[in-house]
Protein backbone atom coordinates (compact mmCIF):
# COMPACT_ATOMS: atom_id res chain seq x y z
CA MET A 1 -24.32 -45.11 -42.78
CA ALA A 2 -25.18 -43.65 -39.40
CA GLY A 3 -21.58 -43.99 -38.22
CA PHE A 4 -20.27 -42.42 -41.41
CA LEU A 5 -22.67 -39.50 -41.00
CA LYS A 6 -21.66 -39.02 -37.37
CA LYS A 7 -18.01 -38.92 -38.43
CA HIS A 8 -18.66 -36.03 -40.81
CA PHE A 9 -21.49 -34.38 -38.88
CA PRO A 10 -20.96 -35.18 -35.16
CA SER A 11 -23.91 -33.08 -34.01
CA ALA A 12 -26.38 -34.69 -36.43
CA ARG A 13 -29.45 -36.32 -34.91
CA ILE A 14 -30.08 -39.62 -36.65
CA LEU A 15 -33.41 -41.43 -36.57
CA PHE A 16 -33.93 -44.94 -37.88
CA LEU A 17 -37.30 -45.87 -39.41
CA GLY A 18 -37.70 -49.64 -39.30
CA ARG A 19 -39.90 -52.61 -38.57
CA THR A 20 -40.29 -53.98 -35.05
CA TYR A 21 -37.89 -56.86 -35.69
CA THR A 22 -35.01 -54.42 -36.33
CA ARG A 23 -35.40 -52.53 -33.05
CA GLU A 24 -33.11 -54.72 -30.92
CA VAL A 25 -30.27 -54.49 -33.45
CA ILE A 26 -30.60 -50.72 -33.81
CA ALA A 27 -30.69 -50.34 -30.03
CA MET A 28 -27.05 -51.47 -29.87
CA SER A 29 -25.74 -48.65 -32.04
CA SER A 30 -24.41 -45.53 -30.37
CA PHE A 31 -24.81 -43.73 -33.70
CA ILE A 32 -28.62 -43.98 -33.78
CA ASP A 33 -30.40 -41.40 -31.64
CA GLU A 34 -33.97 -42.62 -31.99
CA PHE A 35 -35.90 -45.56 -33.41
CA ILE A 36 -39.22 -44.96 -35.22
CA ASN A 37 -41.39 -48.07 -35.49
CA TYR A 38 -42.95 -48.23 -38.94
CA ASP A 39 -45.27 -51.04 -37.85
CA GLU A 40 -46.95 -48.51 -35.54
CA ILE A 41 -47.09 -45.84 -38.24
CA GLU A 42 -48.84 -48.27 -40.61
CA LYS A 43 -51.75 -48.55 -38.18
CA LEU A 44 -52.57 -44.85 -38.66
CA ASN A 45 -54.54 -43.33 -41.51
CA ARG A 46 -52.70 -41.32 -44.14
CA ALA A 47 -53.32 -37.90 -42.54
CA GLU A 48 -52.17 -39.14 -39.13
CA GLN A 49 -49.03 -40.63 -40.66
CA VAL A 50 -48.10 -37.27 -42.22
CA ILE A 51 -48.72 -35.41 -38.95
CA LEU A 52 -46.58 -37.89 -37.01
CA LEU A 53 -43.70 -37.76 -39.46
CA LYS A 54 -43.73 -33.96 -39.43
CA LYS A 55 -43.34 -33.97 -35.65
CA PHE A 56 -39.81 -35.34 -35.97
CA ASN A 57 -38.71 -32.16 -37.80
CA ALA A 58 -36.38 -34.13 -40.05
CA ASP A 59 -34.26 -32.24 -42.59
CA ILE A 60 -33.27 -35.27 -44.67
CA PHE A 61 -35.01 -38.56 -45.46
CA LEU A 62 -32.76 -41.28 -46.89
CA HIS A 63 -34.55 -44.10 -48.73
CA VAL A 64 -32.01 -46.87 -48.09
CA PHE A 65 -34.56 -49.67 -48.47
CA PRO A 66 -36.92 -48.15 -51.06
CA GLN A 67 -40.67 -48.54 -50.67
CA LYS A 68 -43.16 -46.51 -52.67
CA LYS A 69 -45.58 -45.85 -49.82
CA ILE A 70 -42.78 -44.56 -47.59
CA ALA A 71 -41.39 -42.36 -50.37
CA LEU A 72 -44.83 -40.82 -50.89
CA LEU A 73 -45.28 -40.34 -47.14
CA ALA A 74 -41.97 -38.44 -46.85
CA ALA A 75 -43.02 -36.25 -49.78
CA ARG A 76 -46.43 -35.50 -48.23
CA ALA A 77 -44.71 -34.60 -44.98
CA ALA A 78 -42.66 -32.06 -46.98
CA ILE A 79 -39.32 -33.17 -45.57
CA PRO A 80 -36.86 -30.70 -47.17
CA TRP A 81 -34.37 -33.22 -48.63
CA ARG A 82 -35.70 -36.57 -49.79
CA VAL A 83 -33.01 -38.84 -51.19
CA GLY A 84 -33.55 -41.86 -53.40
CA THR A 85 -32.00 -43.66 -56.36
CA THR A 86 -32.81 -42.97 -60.00
CA ASN A 87 -33.74 -46.65 -60.47
CA ARG A 88 -37.18 -46.26 -58.88
CA LEU A 89 -39.71 -44.41 -61.02
CA TYR A 90 -41.65 -43.17 -58.00
CA HIS A 91 -38.49 -41.50 -56.65
CA TRP A 92 -38.60 -39.12 -59.62
CA TYR A 93 -41.77 -37.51 -58.28
CA SER A 94 -41.35 -38.14 -54.54
CA CYS A 95 -37.65 -37.27 -54.03
CA ASN A 96 -35.73 -34.07 -54.77
CA LYS A 97 -32.24 -35.57 -54.47
CA LEU A 98 -31.63 -38.43 -56.89
CA ILE A 99 -28.52 -40.62 -56.75
CA ARG A 100 -27.52 -42.68 -59.78
CA LEU A 101 -26.92 -46.09 -58.23
CA SER A 102 -27.26 -49.57 -59.71
CA ARG A 103 -26.94 -52.45 -57.26
CA LYS A 104 -27.65 -55.54 -59.34
CA ASN A 105 -24.38 -55.78 -61.29
CA SER A 106 -22.22 -53.62 -59.07
CA PRO A 107 -18.82 -54.91 -57.88
CA PHE A 108 -19.38 -53.23 -54.51
CA HIS A 109 -20.64 -54.68 -51.25
CA GLU A 110 -24.14 -53.70 -50.10
CA SER A 111 -22.69 -51.62 -47.26
CA GLN A 112 -20.50 -49.66 -49.70
CA LEU A 113 -23.44 -49.14 -52.05
CA ASN A 114 -25.54 -47.73 -49.22
CA LEU A 115 -22.82 -45.23 -48.40
CA LYS A 116 -23.02 -43.91 -51.96
CA LEU A 117 -26.47 -42.56 -51.09
CA LEU A 118 -24.65 -39.96 -48.99
CA SER A 119 -22.76 -38.54 -51.98
CA PHE A 120 -25.06 -35.50 -52.09
CA LEU A 121 -23.66 -34.51 -48.67
CA ILE A 122 -20.17 -36.01 -48.57
CA LYS A 123 -17.84 -35.81 -51.56
CA ASP A 124 -15.94 -39.04 -50.92
CA THR A 125 -18.12 -41.90 -49.67
CA SER A 126 -15.66 -44.67 -50.48
CA VAL A 127 -14.72 -46.89 -47.53
CA PRO A 128 -12.50 -49.98 -47.84
CA LEU A 129 -14.45 -53.12 -47.02
CA GLU A 130 -12.11 -53.96 -44.15
CA ASP A 131 -12.95 -50.60 -42.51
CA VAL A 132 -16.74 -50.75 -42.77
CA HIS A 133 -17.05 -52.39 -39.34
CA LEU A 134 -15.55 -49.27 -37.76
CA PHE A 135 -18.83 -47.46 -38.42
CA TYR A 136 -21.18 -49.95 -36.72
CA GLY A 137 -21.01 -48.30 -33.30
CA LEU A 138 -22.32 -51.41 -31.56
CA THR A 139 -21.48 -50.54 -27.97
CA LYS A 140 -24.78 -50.92 -26.10
CA PHE A 141 -24.99 -54.67 -25.55
CA PRO A 142 -28.04 -56.28 -23.92
CA ALA A 143 -27.47 -58.31 -20.76
CA LEU A 144 -27.75 -62.09 -21.07
CA ASN A 145 -30.12 -63.88 -18.71
CA LYS A 146 -28.48 -66.36 -16.35
CA GLU A 147 -30.35 -69.36 -17.77
CA PHE A 148 -28.57 -68.74 -21.09
CA SER A 149 -25.21 -67.54 -19.76
CA ASP A 150 -24.99 -70.82 -17.81
CA LEU A 151 -24.88 -72.63 -21.18
CA ILE A 152 -21.60 -70.96 -22.12
CA ASP A 153 -18.42 -72.97 -21.49
CA THR A 154 -15.54 -70.50 -21.19
CA SER A 155 -12.99 -73.31 -21.53
CA LYS A 156 -14.17 -74.09 -25.08
CA PHE A 157 -14.95 -72.36 -28.35
CA ASN A 158 -18.70 -71.71 -28.14
CA LEU A 159 -20.03 -72.11 -31.67
CA ILE A 160 -23.52 -71.37 -32.98
CA LEU A 161 -24.72 -73.19 -36.09
CA HIS A 162 -27.69 -71.54 -37.80
CA PRO A 163 -28.81 -73.96 -40.56
CA LYS A 164 -32.06 -72.36 -41.77
CA SER A 165 -32.67 -69.04 -43.52
CA LYS A 166 -36.48 -68.73 -43.81
CA GLY A 167 -36.02 -68.41 -47.56
CA SER A 168 -33.73 -65.37 -47.38
CA ALA A 169 -30.68 -67.25 -48.71
CA ARG A 170 -29.51 -70.48 -50.33
CA GLU A 171 -28.93 -73.03 -47.57
CA TRP A 172 -25.95 -75.30 -47.04
CA GLY A 173 -28.13 -78.25 -46.04
CA LEU A 174 -28.68 -80.21 -42.82
CA ALA A 175 -26.52 -83.10 -43.99
CA ASN A 176 -23.53 -80.77 -44.22
CA PHE A 177 -24.20 -79.30 -40.79
CA ALA A 178 -24.47 -82.83 -39.39
CA LYS A 179 -21.06 -83.72 -40.85
CA LEU A 180 -19.56 -80.50 -39.44
CA ILE A 181 -20.90 -81.37 -36.00
CA SER A 182 -19.41 -84.87 -36.25
CA ILE A 183 -15.91 -83.62 -37.06
CA LEU A 184 -15.73 -80.79 -34.51
CA PRO A 185 -13.60 -81.99 -31.56
CA GLU A 186 -15.79 -82.22 -28.45
CA ASP A 187 -12.93 -81.20 -26.19
CA ARG A 188 -12.52 -77.90 -28.02
CA PHE A 189 -16.01 -76.89 -29.12
CA LYS A 190 -19.38 -76.45 -27.48
CA ILE A 191 -22.02 -76.40 -30.21
CA PHE A 192 -25.44 -74.75 -30.29
CA ILE A 193 -28.14 -74.98 -32.98
CA SER A 194 -30.14 -71.78 -33.34
CA GLY A 195 -33.27 -70.79 -35.21
CA THR A 196 -36.92 -69.91 -34.76
CA ASN A 197 -39.63 -72.20 -33.41
CA GLN A 198 -40.57 -72.93 -37.01
CA ASP A 199 -36.94 -73.78 -37.83
CA GLY A 200 -36.88 -76.14 -34.86
CA ALA A 201 -39.95 -77.96 -36.15
CA LEU A 202 -38.36 -78.32 -39.60
CA MET A 203 -35.17 -79.69 -38.00
CA LYS A 204 -36.85 -82.01 -35.50
CA GLU A 205 -35.10 -85.20 -36.67
CA PHE A 206 -31.81 -83.42 -37.25
CA LEU A 207 -31.85 -82.07 -33.67
CA LYS A 208 -32.76 -85.48 -32.26
CA ILE A 209 -29.88 -87.23 -34.02
CA ASN A 210 -27.14 -84.65 -33.44
CA THR A 211 -26.86 -84.93 -29.68
CA LYS A 212 -23.44 -83.23 -29.58
CA ALA A 213 -25.21 -79.94 -30.19
CA ILE A 214 -27.53 -78.06 -27.81
CA ASP A 215 -30.87 -77.05 -29.28
CA ILE A 216 -31.66 -73.36 -28.59
CA THR A 217 -34.22 -72.94 -31.39
CA GLY A 218 -37.15 -70.75 -30.36
CA LYS A 219 -35.87 -70.39 -26.80
CA MET A 220 -34.73 -66.76 -26.89
CA SER A 221 -36.11 -63.36 -27.78
CA LEU A 222 -34.12 -61.49 -30.43
CA GLN A 223 -32.57 -59.34 -27.70
CA GLN A 224 -31.44 -62.42 -25.77
CA PHE A 225 -30.20 -64.12 -28.92
CA ILE A 226 -28.07 -61.07 -29.74
CA ALA A 227 -26.70 -61.16 -26.18
CA PHE A 228 -26.03 -64.90 -26.56
CA ILE A 229 -24.14 -64.37 -29.82
CA ASN A 230 -22.11 -61.71 -28.05
CA HIS A 231 -21.09 -64.25 -25.38
CA CYS A 232 -20.20 -66.95 -27.91
CA ASP A 233 -17.08 -67.17 -30.04
CA GLY A 234 -18.36 -67.92 -33.51
CA LEU A 235 -21.30 -68.60 -35.80
CA VAL A 236 -21.73 -70.50 -39.07
CA ALA A 237 -24.67 -69.77 -41.38
CA ALA A 238 -25.77 -68.85 -44.86
CA SER A 239 -26.43 -65.18 -45.62
CA THR A 240 -28.81 -64.51 -42.72
CA GLY A 241 -29.34 -61.87 -40.06
CA PRO A 242 -27.57 -63.83 -37.29
CA LEU A 243 -24.47 -64.18 -39.52
CA HIS A 244 -24.23 -60.43 -40.03
CA ILE A 245 -24.92 -59.70 -36.38
CA ALA A 246 -22.12 -62.08 -35.34
CA ALA A 247 -19.75 -60.42 -37.81
CA ALA A 248 -20.66 -56.96 -36.53
CA LEU A 249 -20.00 -58.12 -32.97
CA GLY A 250 -16.50 -59.20 -33.95
CA LYS A 251 -17.18 -62.93 -33.70
CA ARG A 252 -15.72 -65.63 -35.95
CA ALA A 253 -18.55 -65.40 -38.45
CA ILE A 254 -18.32 -67.85 -41.37
CA GLY A 255 -20.81 -67.27 -44.17
CA LEU A 256 -21.72 -69.94 -46.73
CA PHE A 257 -22.64 -68.57 -50.14
CA SER A 258 -23.59 -69.31 -53.71
CA ALA A 259 -21.41 -67.60 -56.32
CA ARG A 260 -24.49 -66.49 -58.22
CA ARG A 261 -25.18 -62.78 -58.67
CA PRO A 262 -26.71 -60.85 -56.96
CA ILE A 263 -26.57 -63.15 -53.90
CA HIS A 264 -22.82 -63.74 -54.08
CA PRO A 265 -20.47 -62.87 -51.17
CA GLY A 266 -19.04 -59.88 -53.02
CA ARG A 267 -22.38 -58.22 -52.39
CA TRP A 268 -23.50 -59.84 -49.12
CA MET A 269 -20.49 -61.30 -47.28
CA PRO A 270 -20.41 -60.68 -43.51
CA ILE A 271 -18.32 -57.64 -42.60
CA GLY A 272 -16.27 -57.73 -39.41
CA LYS A 273 -12.69 -58.09 -38.24
CA ASN A 274 -13.13 -61.88 -37.80
CA ALA A 275 -15.63 -62.57 -40.58
CA SER A 276 -15.15 -64.64 -43.72
CA ALA A 277 -17.17 -66.11 -46.57
CA LEU A 278 -16.91 -69.41 -48.43
CA VAL A 279 -18.14 -70.52 -51.85
CA ASN A 280 -17.56 -73.84 -53.52
CA ASP A 281 -16.46 -72.42 -56.87
CA GLU A 282 -16.16 -68.71 -57.62
CA ASN A 283 -16.38 -69.51 -61.33
CA CYS A 284 -19.33 -71.91 -61.17
CA VAL A 285 -20.74 -72.13 -64.70
CA LYS A 286 -24.36 -72.48 -63.61
CA CYS A 287 -24.06 -69.55 -61.19
CA THR A 288 -22.45 -67.42 -63.91
CA LYS A 289 -25.42 -68.17 -66.16
CA LYS A 290 -27.80 -67.50 -63.23
CA GLU A 291 -29.22 -71.00 -63.49
CA GLU A 292 -30.51 -73.03 -60.57
CA CYS A 293 -27.49 -74.44 -58.79
CA ASP A 294 -26.75 -76.39 -55.62
CA CYS A 295 -23.03 -75.61 -55.53
CA ILE A 296 -23.34 -74.10 -52.02
CA GLU A 297 -24.07 -77.62 -50.76
CA LYS A 298 -20.69 -78.75 -52.12
CA ILE A 299 -18.72 -76.56 -49.72
CA GLU A 300 -16.77 -79.10 -47.67
CA PRO A 301 -17.30 -79.07 -43.88
CA GLU A 302 -13.55 -79.60 -43.49
CA ARG A 303 -12.97 -76.08 -44.85
CA ILE A 304 -15.04 -74.65 -42.03
CA LEU A 305 -13.28 -76.83 -39.47
CA LYS A 306 -9.93 -75.55 -40.73
CA LEU A 307 -11.02 -71.93 -40.31
CA LEU A 308 -12.37 -72.58 -36.82
CA MET A 309 -9.32 -74.54 -35.67
CA HIS A 310 -7.07 -71.80 -36.95
CA GLU A 311 -9.01 -69.30 -34.85
CA ARG A 312 -8.28 -71.36 -31.73
CA VAL A 313 -4.48 -71.23 -32.24
């Protein structure tokens, strides 16, 4: 959205209001002029929050990720244009620009849906999915510490496997990741297992058994992990942050998905020039009926191997 705005309004000053964990990602974008940490704003009382927000002299507040307390804060700060969707009742009394936008059953990708929020400013907000990555503006890459850069083998395809999702997505399963590791040729791939400290604890036995892979769980800050992804060649994961970061960085990002709406790849697939998404069955009956389904676990590791080997040609 920031890149699209900069294209149409090059002199616009764009501020990003986000949680602390988003700072390192936002810092890479040349289209974002300033980061505002909402975790710090939350520590203030209501009057102080309003005063602080007013100091930024914003003309427009876009509620991309809607939250009632933030919508009310923007209204109290009397920001001239406050933009939200018609789907949230509180937007009707906190926003003065309402966009009719339904995400749940939409055929569009999340990135394309977000761009529709700019329709009050820009007549045509349609962008082909294959062109979305052109608006990332990720040009300010963090440096990678030597202790981590020494792990990279430039003679091989450096592949990160990110098995866990912290509940944000349906997971492929450790058994499938173990099989993938076993069939990846050692002479062509160097494999890393990533995740948080908590993920590492949950995968303790898995990490002990799969000695072909190097355990990097909990060993890097987010900034260093982003830098590490940037130095690697590919990443395999369910619909998680690292998958989308890898895709945005132009890596061979392979996403593993359920066909169930609204978590299907049509809505959440990784977007990048080397990104792809896999499902077991696009027409899965259980997924169509929105029933509990484990079809993501039926995606064959050989399909991933084929994609990765093709990338090495």
